[in-house]
Amino acid sequence: MQLTHDIVDGYFDLMKNLDNHTKIELISKLSSSILENDKKKESLLLSSFGQFISDLSADELYNEIRSSRHFRNKNIIL
């Protein structure tokens, strides 16, 4: 936590002498980046939900998955 505080203080020391217009522009860009990050996180979360779309019936899909499985016996020598 102290490291974050020190970083913020360092940035503030660099920017405190900027003119007001530049400070406002910086605030605007920082605010926009926060909102964009929140939207990206929400989008990623929502995109992980949904339905599986297929032209196959449930039975056909089941049979296709079962038939695509390949097992082989391996003899492991210890």
Protein backbone atom coordinates (compact mmCIF):
# COMPACT_ATOMS: atom_id res chain seq x y z
CA MET A 1 0.00 0.00 0.00
CA GLN A 2 2.85 2.38 0.83
CA LEU A 3 4.42 1.75 -2.60
CA THR A 4 1.18 2.74 -4.34
CA HIS A 5 0.96 5.86 -2.19
CA ASP A 6 4.56 6.76 -3.08
CA ILE A 7 3.86 6.29 -6.80
CA VAL A 8 0.79 8.53 -6.60
CA ASP A 9 2.79 11.18 -4.73
CA GLY A 10 5.54 10.97 -7.36
CA TYR A 11 3.08 11.50 -10.20
CA PHE A 12 1.42 14.34 -8.31
CA ASP A 13 4.76 16.08 -7.81
CA LEU A 14 5.36 15.85 -11.57
CA MET A 15 1.93 17.19 -12.48
CA LYS A 16 1.19 19.81 -9.85
CA ASN A 17 2.91 22.51 -11.90
CA LEU A 18 0.91 21.83 -15.07
CA ASP A 19 -1.57 24.44 -16.22
CA ASN A 20 -5.24 23.93 -15.33
CA HIS A 21 -6.31 23.01 -18.87
CA THR A 22 -3.72 20.22 -19.03
CA LYS A 23 -4.75 18.95 -15.59
CA ILE A 24 -8.41 18.82 -16.66
CA GLU A 25 -7.46 16.98 -19.85
CA LEU A 26 -5.44 14.50 -17.80
CA ILE A 27 -8.36 13.95 -15.41
CA SER A 28 -10.65 13.34 -18.38
CA LYS A 29 -8.31 10.76 -19.91
CA LEU A 30 -7.84 8.97 -16.58
CA SER A 31 -11.61 8.86 -16.05
CA SER A 32 -12.16 7.51 -19.55
CA SER A 33 -9.57 4.79 -19.05
CA ILE A 34 -11.31 3.68 -15.84
CA LEU A 35 -14.68 3.48 -17.58
CA GLU A 36 -13.19 1.58 -20.55
CA ASN A 37 -11.53 -0.94 -18.23
CA ASP A 38 -14.83 -1.51 -16.41
CA LYS A 39 -16.64 -2.05 -19.73
CA LYS A 40 -13.98 -4.50 -20.94
CA LYS A 41 -14.20 -6.52 -17.73
CA GLU A 42 -18.00 -6.64 -17.95
CA SER A 43 -17.84 -7.61 -21.62
CA LEU A 44 -15.39 -10.43 -20.92
CA LEU A 45 -17.58 -11.74 -18.14
CA LEU A 46 -20.76 -11.62 -20.19
CA SER A 47 -19.12 -13.21 -23.22
CA SER A 48 -18.33 -16.31 -21.17
CA PHE A 49 -22.05 -17.09 -20.91
CA GLY A 50 -24.34 -18.22 -23.66
CA GLN A 51 -25.68 -21.22 -25.40
CA PHE A 52 -24.09 -23.84 -27.60
CA ILE A 53 -25.46 -23.54 -31.12
CA SER A 54 -25.55 -26.60 -33.34
CA ASP A 55 -27.72 -27.98 -36.12
CA LEU A 56 -27.44 -31.44 -34.56
CA SER A 57 -30.02 -32.84 -32.21
CA ALA A 58 -28.97 -33.70 -28.68
CA ASP A 59 -28.79 -37.42 -29.56
CA GLU A 60 -26.73 -36.75 -32.70
CA LEU A 61 -24.35 -34.51 -30.78
CA TYR A 62 -24.01 -37.12 -28.04
CA ASN A 63 -23.25 -39.86 -30.57
CA GLU A 64 -20.75 -37.67 -32.40
CA ILE A 65 -18.87 -36.92 -29.19
CA ARG A 66 -18.89 -40.58 -28.14
CA SER A 67 -17.67 -41.77 -31.54
CA SER A 68 -14.85 -39.23 -31.64
CA ARG A 69 -13.33 -40.52 -28.42
CA HIS A 70 -10.29 -42.69 -28.89
CA PHE A 71 -8.75 -44.66 -26.09
CA ARG A 72 -5.74 -46.87 -26.23
CA ASN A 73 -4.27 -49.13 -23.68
CA LYS A 74 -0.76 -48.42 -22.65
CA ASN A 75 1.33 -50.86 -20.76
CA ILE A 76 3.46 -48.94 -18.34
CA ILE A 77 6.47 -50.80 -17.05
CA LEU A 78 7.52 -49.77 -13.60
